[in-house]
């Protein structure tokens, strides 16, 4: 998946699932007291991020930054 494909998923709020090393990860959306968020992480253990930039700078899958794994998804 390219960075542009990922941005399109976020802009259209399309849910996304992928498997990495046999573990299921999801991306969903919601709103809380801080505003709209993107929940990304293992199934039932997502972490909330509030922007695309925050995901690219902070999100980790296993011991790798999500941005490094984006191309293989």
PDB file of N, CA and C in Angstrom:
ATOM      1  N   UNK A   1       0.852  -1.169   0.000  1.00  0.00           N
ATOM      2  CA  UNK A   1       0.000   0.000   0.000  1.00  0.00           C
ATOM      3  C   UNK A   1       0.899   1.234   0.000  1.00  0.00           C
ATOM      4  N   UNK A   2       0.547   2.187  -0.814  1.00  0.00           N
ATOM      5  CA  UNK A   2       1.322   3.429  -0.845  1.00  0.00           C
ATOM      6  C   UNK A   2       0.822   4.382   0.236  1.00  0.00           C
ATOM      7  N   UNK A   3       1.609   5.404   0.483  1.00  0.00           N
ATOM      8  CA  UNK A   3       1.223   6.426   1.447  1.00  0.00           C
ATOM      9  C   UNK A   3      -0.073   7.102   1.000  1.00  0.00           C
ATOM     10  N   UNK A   4      -0.208   7.342  -0.300  1.00  0.00           N
ATOM     11  CA  UNK A   4      -1.428   7.967  -0.830  1.00  0.00           C
ATOM     12  C   UNK A   4      -2.652   7.072  -0.634  1.00  0.00           C
ATOM     13  N   UNK A   5      -2.480   5.756  -0.807  1.00  0.00           N
ATOM     14  CA  UNK A   5      -3.582   4.815  -0.564  1.00  0.00           C
ATOM     15  C   UNK A   5      -4.022   4.878   0.892  1.00  0.00           C
ATOM     16  N   UNK A   6      -3.052   4.965   1.794  1.00  0.00           N
ATOM     17  CA  UNK A   6      -3.350   5.030   3.222  1.00  0.00           C
ATOM     18  C   UNK A   6      -4.074   6.331   3.564  1.00  0.00           C
ATOM     19  N   UNK A   7      -3.638   7.427   2.987  1.00  0.00           N
ATOM     20  CA  UNK A   7      -4.300   8.717   3.208  1.00  0.00           C
ATOM     21  C   UNK A   7      -5.746   8.649   2.736  1.00  0.00           C
ATOM     22  N   UNK A   8      -5.984   8.019   1.582  1.00  0.00           N
ATOM     23  CA  UNK A   8      -7.343   7.877   1.067  1.00  0.00           C
ATOM     24  C   UNK A   8      -8.218   7.069   2.029  1.00  0.00           C
ATOM     25  N   UNK A   9      -7.666   6.009   2.628  1.00  0.00           N
ATOM     26  CA  UNK A   9      -8.423   5.237   3.625  1.00  0.00           C
ATOM     27  C   UNK A   9      -8.861   6.129   4.780  1.00  0.00           C
ATOM     28  N   UNK A  10      -7.951   6.974   5.247  1.00  0.00           N
ATOM     29  CA  UNK A  10      -8.252   7.862   6.372  1.00  0.00           C
ATOM     30  C   UNK A  10      -9.282   8.916   5.967  1.00  0.00           C
ATOM     31  N   UNK A  11      -9.099   9.514   4.811  1.00  0.00           N
ATOM     32  CA  UNK A  11     -10.027  10.563   4.358  1.00  0.00           C
ATOM     33  C   UNK A  11     -11.446  10.037   4.162  1.00  0.00           C
ATOM     34  N   UNK A  12     -11.569   8.789   3.705  1.00  0.00           N
ATOM     35  CA  UNK A  12     -12.892   8.204   3.479  1.00  0.00           C
ATOM     36  C   UNK A  12     -13.383   7.404   4.685  1.00  0.00           C
ATOM     37  N   UNK A  13     -12.574   7.365   5.737  1.00  0.00           N
ATOM     38  CA  UNK A  13     -12.884   6.644   6.977  1.00  0.00           C
ATOM     39  C   UNK A  13     -13.246   5.186   6.701  1.00  0.00           C
ATOM     40  N   UNK A  14     -12.464   4.575   5.867  1.00  0.00           N
ATOM     41  CA  UNK A  14     -12.661   3.182   5.519  1.00  0.00           C
ATOM     42  C   UNK A  14     -11.893   2.308   6.514  1.00  0.00           C
ATOM     43  N   UNK A  15     -12.581   1.349   7.110  1.00  0.00           N
ATOM     44  CA  UNK A  15     -11.917   0.453   8.057  1.00  0.00           C
ATOM     45  C   UNK A  15     -10.953  -0.448   7.304  1.00  0.00           C
ATOM     46  N   UNK A  16      -9.911  -0.872   7.996  1.00  0.00           N
ATOM     47  CA  UNK A  16      -8.833  -1.617   7.361  1.00  0.00           C
ATOM     48  C   UNK A  16      -8.336  -2.692   8.326  1.00  0.00           C
ATOM     49  N   UNK A  17      -8.112  -3.880   7.814  1.00  0.00           N
ATOM     50  CA  UNK A  17      -7.547  -4.984   8.601  1.00  0.00           C
ATOM     51  C   UNK A  17      -6.341  -5.529   7.864  1.00  0.00           C
ATOM     52  N   UNK A  18      -5.339  -5.933   8.630  1.00  0.00           N
ATOM     53  CA  UNK A  18      -4.185  -6.586   8.038  1.00  0.00           C
ATOM     54  C   UNK A  18      -3.569  -7.533   9.059  1.00  0.00           C
ATOM     55  N   UNK A  19      -2.816  -8.485   8.551  1.00  0.00           N
ATOM     56  CA  UNK A  19      -2.146  -9.457   9.397  1.00  0.00           C
ATOM     57  C   UNK A  19      -0.647  -9.240   9.281  1.00  0.00           C
ATOM     58  N   UNK A  20       0.018  -9.238  10.430  1.00  0.00           N
ATOM     59  CA  UNK A  20       1.476  -9.119  10.466  1.00  0.00           C
ATOM     60  C   UNK A  20       1.991 -10.155  11.448  1.00  0.00           C
ATOM     61  N   UNK A  21       2.846 -11.030  10.960  1.00  0.00           N
ATOM     62  CA  UNK A  21       3.412 -12.119  11.766  1.00  0.00           C
ATOM     63  C   UNK A  21       2.322 -12.928  12.465  1.00  0.00           C
ATOM     64  N   UNK A  22       1.246 -13.196  11.727  1.00  0.00           N
ATOM     65  CA  UNK A  22       0.162 -14.033  12.226  1.00  0.00           C
ATOM     66  C   UNK A  22      -0.789 -13.367  13.201  1.00  0.00           C
ATOM     67  N   UNK A  23      -0.641 -12.062  13.427  1.00  0.00           N
ATOM     68  CA  UNK A  23      -1.520 -11.335  14.345  1.00  0.00           C
ATOM     69  C   UNK A  23      -2.372 -10.354  13.553  1.00  0.00           C
ATOM     70  N   UNK A  24      -3.646 -10.263  13.936  1.00  0.00           N
ATOM     71  CA  UNK A  24      -4.592  -9.391  13.242  1.00  0.00           C
ATOM     72  C   UNK A  24      -4.545  -7.977  13.826  1.00  0.00           C
ATOM     73  N   UNK A  25      -4.444  -6.998  12.938  1.00  0.00           N
ATOM     74  CA  UNK A  25      -4.442  -5.583  13.306  1.00  0.00           C
ATOM     75  C   UNK A  25      -5.602  -4.904  12.583  1.00  0.00           C
ATOM     76  N   UNK A  26      -6.155  -3.868  13.203  1.00  0.00           N
ATOM     77  CA  UNK A  26      -7.283  -3.152  12.612  1.00  0.00           C
ATOM     78  C   UNK A  26      -7.068  -1.644  12.676  1.00  0.00           C
ATOM     79  N   UNK A  27      -7.799  -0.960  11.818  1.00  0.00           N
ATOM     80  CA  UNK A  27      -7.845   0.488  11.861  1.00  0.00           C
ATOM     81  C   UNK A  27      -9.321   0.878  11.784  1.00  0.00           C
ATOM     82  N   UNK A  28      -9.797   1.561  12.815  1.00  0.00           N
ATOM     83  CA  UNK A  28     -11.180   2.031  12.867  1.00  0.00           C
ATOM     84  C   UNK A  28     -11.173   3.509  13.273  1.00  0.00           C
ATOM     85  N   UNK A  29     -12.358   4.076  13.400  1.00  0.00           N
ATOM     86  CA  UNK A  29     -12.482   5.510  13.662  1.00  0.00           C
ATOM     87  C   UNK A  29     -13.492   5.755  14.772  1.00  0.00           C
ATOM     88  N   UNK A  30     -13.361   6.888  15.430  1.00  0.00           N
ATOM     89  CA  UNK A  30     -14.303   7.241  16.479  1.00  0.00           C
ATOM     90  C   UNK A  30     -14.111   8.687  16.901  1.00  0.00           C
ATOM     91  N   UNK A  31     -14.853   9.072  17.924  1.00  0.00           N
ATOM     92  CA  UNK A  31     -14.768  10.425  18.476  1.00  0.00           C
ATOM     93  C   UNK A  31     -14.811  10.322  19.990  1.00  0.00           C
ATOM     94  N   UNK A  32     -13.985  11.104  20.648  1.00  0.00           N
ATOM     95  CA  UNK A  32     -14.025  11.194  22.108  1.00  0.00           C
ATOM     96  C   UNK A  32     -13.937  12.659  22.509  1.00  0.00           C
ATOM     97  N   UNK A  33     -13.655  12.927  23.779  1.00  0.00           N
ATOM     98  CA  UNK A  33     -13.623  14.301  24.260  1.00  0.00           C
ATOM     99  C   UNK A  33     -12.536  15.146  23.593  1.00  0.00           C
ATOM    100  N   UNK A  34     -11.497  14.511  23.034  1.00  0.00           N
ATOM    101  CA  UNK A  34     -10.429  15.245  22.345  1.00  0.00           C
ATOM    102  C   UNK A  34     -10.756  15.504  20.879  1.00  0.00           C
ATOM    103  N   UNK A  35     -11.718  14.784  20.342  1.00  0.00           N
ATOM    104  CA  UNK A  35     -12.105  14.954  18.943  1.00  0.00           C
ATOM    105  C   UNK A  35     -12.084  13.634  18.191  1.00  0.00           C
ATOM    106  N   UNK A  36     -12.046  13.731  16.875  1.00  0.00           N
ATOM    107  CA  UNK A  36     -12.048  12.539  16.019  1.00  0.00           C
ATOM    108  C   UNK A  36     -10.692  11.848  16.119  1.00  0.00           C
ATOM    109  N   UNK A  37     -10.728  10.510  16.166  1.00  0.00           N
ATOM    110  CA  UNK A  37      -9.482   9.753  16.255  1.00  0.00           C
ATOM    111  C   UNK A  37      -9.496   8.571  15.288  1.00  0.00           C
ATOM    112  N   UNK A  38      -8.300   8.042  15.067  1.00  0.00           N
ATOM    113  CA  UNK A  38      -8.085   6.835  14.283  1.00  0.00           C
ATOM    114  C   UNK A  38      -7.528   5.810  15.257  1.00  0.00           C
ATOM    115  N   UNK A  39      -8.206   4.678  15.404  1.00  0.00           N
ATOM    116  CA  UNK A  39      -7.748   3.620  16.307  1.00  0.00           C
ATOM    117  C   UNK A  39      -6.997   2.583  15.481  1.00  0.00           C
ATOM    118  N   UNK A  40      -5.717   2.404  15.775  1.00  0.00           N
ATOM    119  CA  UNK A  40      -4.870   1.488  15.017  1.00  0.00           C
ATOM    120  C   UNK A  40      -4.133   0.576  15.982  1.00  0.00           C
ATOM    121  N   UNK A  41      -4.170  -0.718  15.722  1.00  0.00           N
ATOM    122  CA  UNK A  41      -3.433  -1.652  16.567  1.00  0.00           C
ATOM    123  C   UNK A  41      -4.018  -3.046  16.491  1.00  0.00           C
ATOM    124  N   UNK A  42      -3.556  -3.898  17.406  1.00  0.00           N
ATOM    125  CA  UNK A  42      -4.048  -5.267  17.454  1.00  0.00           C
ATOM    126  C   UNK A  42      -5.537  -5.259  17.743  1.00  0.00           C
ATOM    127  N   UNK A  43      -6.196  -6.288  17.255  1.00  0.00           N
ATOM    128  CA  UNK A  43      -7.623  -6.424  17.477  1.00  0.00           C
ATOM    129  C   UNK A  43      -7.903  -6.364  18.979  1.00  0.00           C
ATOM    130  N   UNK A  44      -8.815  -5.538  19.392  1.00  0.00           N
ATOM    131  CA  UNK A  44      -9.223  -5.304  20.782  1.00  0.00           C
ATOM    132  C   UNK A  44      -8.167  -4.579  21.616  1.00  0.00           C
ATOM    133  N   UNK A  45      -7.051  -4.142  21.015  1.00  0.00           N
ATOM    134  CA  UNK A  45      -6.019  -3.395  21.742  1.00  0.00           C
ATOM    135  C   UNK A  45      -5.543  -2.179  20.942  1.00  0.00           C
ATOM    136  N   UNK A  46      -6.456  -1.454  20.293  1.00  0.00           N
ATOM    137  CA  UNK A  46      -5.991  -0.344  19.452  1.00  0.00           C
ATOM    138  C   UNK A  46      -5.510   0.851  20.272  1.00  0.00           C
ATOM    139  N   UNK A  47      -4.672   1.658  19.651  1.00  0.00           N
ATOM    140  CA  UNK A  47      -4.196   2.909  20.232  1.00  0.00           C
ATOM    141  C   UNK A  47      -4.849   4.035  19.434  1.00  0.00           C
ATOM    142  N   UNK A  48      -5.250   5.077  20.118  1.00  0.00           N
ATOM    143  CA  UNK A  48      -5.912   6.202  19.448  1.00  0.00           C
ATOM    144  C   UNK A  48      -4.888   7.230  18.979  1.00  0.00           C
ATOM    145  N   UNK A  49      -5.039   7.625  17.725  1.00  0.00           N
ATOM    146  CA  UNK A  49      -4.210   8.667  17.127  1.00  0.00           C
ATOM    147  C   UNK A  49      -5.150   9.721  16.575  1.00  0.00           C
ATOM    148  N   UNK A  50      -4.732  10.977  16.648  1.00  0.00           N
ATOM    149  CA  UNK A  50      -5.618  12.066  16.273  1.00  0.00           C
ATOM    150  C   UNK A  50      -5.263  12.741  14.954  1.00  0.00           C
ATOM    151  N   UNK A  51      -4.259  12.199  14.252  1.00  0.00           N
ATOM    152  CA  UNK A  51      -3.918  12.746  12.939  1.00  0.00           C
ATOM    153  C   UNK A  51      -3.074  11.745  12.160  1.00  0.00           C
ATOM    154  N   UNK A  52      -3.011  11.952  10.861  1.00  0.00           N
ATOM    155  CA  UNK A  52      -2.162  11.134  10.002  1.00  0.00           C
ATOM    156  C   UNK A  52      -0.703  11.270  10.436  1.00  0.00           C
ATOM    157  N   UNK A  53      -0.278  12.493  10.723  1.00  0.00           N
ATOM    158  CA  UNK A  53       1.104  12.739  11.156  1.00  0.00           C
ATOM    159  C   UNK A  53       1.451  12.001  12.431  1.00  0.00           C
ATOM    160  N   UNK A  54       0.522  11.955  13.356  1.00  0.00           N
ATOM    161  CA  UNK A  54       0.754  11.245  14.610  1.00  0.00           C
ATOM    162  C   UNK A  54       0.946   9.749  14.358  1.00  0.00           C
ATOM    163  N   UNK A  55       0.168   9.188  13.450  1.00  0.00           N
ATOM    164  CA  UNK A  55       0.334   7.770  13.104  1.00  0.00           C
ATOM    165  C   UNK A  55       1.717   7.541  12.500  1.00  0.00           C
ATOM    166  N   UNK A  56       2.100   8.390  11.549  1.00  0.00           N
ATOM    167  CA  UNK A  56       3.394   8.215  10.874  1.00  0.00           C
ATOM    168  C   UNK A  56       4.573   8.381  11.831  1.00  0.00           C
ATOM    169  N   UNK A  57       4.433   9.224  12.835  1.00  0.00           N
ATOM    170  CA  UNK A  57       5.541   9.491  13.751  1.00  0.00           C
ATOM    171  C   UNK A  57       5.587   8.570  14.965  1.00  0.00           C
ATOM    172  N   UNK A  58       4.445   8.026  15.387  1.00  0.00           N
ATOM    173  CA  UNK A  58       4.406   7.312  16.654  1.00  0.00           C
ATOM    174  C   UNK A  58       3.932   5.866  16.591  1.00  0.00           C
ATOM    175  N   UNK A  59       3.080   5.517  15.630  1.00  0.00           N
ATOM    176  CA  UNK A  59       2.476   4.181  15.607  1.00  0.00           C
ATOM    177  C   UNK A  59       3.527   3.100  15.373  1.00  0.00           C
ATOM    178  N   UNK A  60       3.448   2.045  16.193  1.00  0.00           N
ATOM    179  CA  UNK A  60       4.364   0.913  16.055  1.00  0.00           C
ATOM    180  C   UNK A  60       3.570  -0.379  15.929  1.00  0.00           C
ATOM    181  N   UNK A  61       4.090  -1.273  15.098  1.00  0.00           N
ATOM    182  CA  UNK A  61       3.572  -2.623  14.948  1.00  0.00           C
ATOM    183  C   UNK A  61       4.742  -3.532  15.297  1.00  0.00           C
ATOM    184  N   UNK A  62       4.560  -4.339  16.350  1.00  0.00           N
ATOM    185  CA  UNK A  62       5.675  -5.111  16.902  1.00  0.00           C
ATOM    186  C   UNK A  62       6.763  -4.101  17.281  1.00  0.00           C
ATOM    187  N   UNK A  63       7.973  -4.251  16.758  1.00  0.00           N
ATOM    188  CA  UNK A  63       9.071  -3.322  17.071  1.00  0.00           C
ATOM    189  C   UNK A  63       9.391  -2.399  15.905  1.00  0.00           C
ATOM    190  N   UNK A  64       8.468  -2.264  14.963  1.00  0.00           N
ATOM    191  CA  UNK A  64       8.689  -1.451  13.774  1.00  0.00           C
ATOM    192  C   UNK A  64       7.692  -0.309  13.724  1.00  0.00           C
ATOM    193  N   UNK A  65       8.151   0.827  13.229  1.00  0.00           N
ATOM    194  CA  UNK A  65       7.218   1.923  13.011  1.00  0.00           C
ATOM    195  C   UNK A  65       6.258   1.526  11.899  1.00  0.00           C
ATOM    196  N   UNK A  66       4.999   1.891  12.037  1.00  0.00           N
ATOM    197  CA  UNK A  66       3.986   1.571  11.047  1.00  0.00           C
ATOM    198  C   UNK A  66       4.392   2.087   9.672  1.00  0.00           C
ATOM    199  N   UNK A  67       4.991   3.275   9.617  1.00  0.00           N
ATOM    200  CA  UNK A  67       5.386   3.860   8.330  1.00  0.00           C
ATOM    201  C   UNK A  67       6.367   2.968   7.566  1.00  0.00           C
ATOM    202  N   UNK A  68       7.178   2.192   8.290  1.00  0.00           N
ATOM    203  CA  UNK A  68       8.134   1.290   7.654  1.00  0.00           C
ATOM    204  C   UNK A  68       7.448   0.070   7.061  1.00  0.00           C
ATOM    205  N   UNK A  69       6.313  -0.322   7.618  1.00  0.00           N
ATOM    206  CA  UNK A  69       5.597  -1.505   7.170  1.00  0.00           C
ATOM    207  C   UNK A  69       4.539  -1.194   6.120  1.00  0.00           C
ATOM    208  N   UNK A  70       4.235   0.051   5.931  1.00  0.00           N
ATOM    209  CA  UNK A  70       3.162   0.469   5.044  1.00  0.00           C
ATOM    210  C   UNK A  70       3.323  -0.095   3.628  1.00  0.00           C
ATOM    211  N   UNK A  71       4.515  -0.113   3.107  1.00  0.00           N
ATOM    212  CA  UNK A  71       4.743  -0.579   1.739  1.00  0.00           C
ATOM    213  C   UNK A  71       4.463  -2.086   1.571  1.00  0.00           C
ATOM    214  N   UNK A  72       4.587  -2.873   2.634  1.00  0.00           N
ATOM    215  CA  UNK A  72       4.380  -4.328   2.496  1.00  0.00           C
ATOM    216  C   UNK A  72       2.945  -4.745   2.783  1.00  0.00           C
ATOM    217  N   UNK A  73       2.105  -3.819   3.192  1.00  0.00           N
ATOM    218  CA  UNK A  73       0.713  -4.147   3.494  1.00  0.00           C
ATOM    219  C   UNK A  73      -0.124  -4.205   2.236  1.00  0.00           C
TER     220      UNK A  73
END
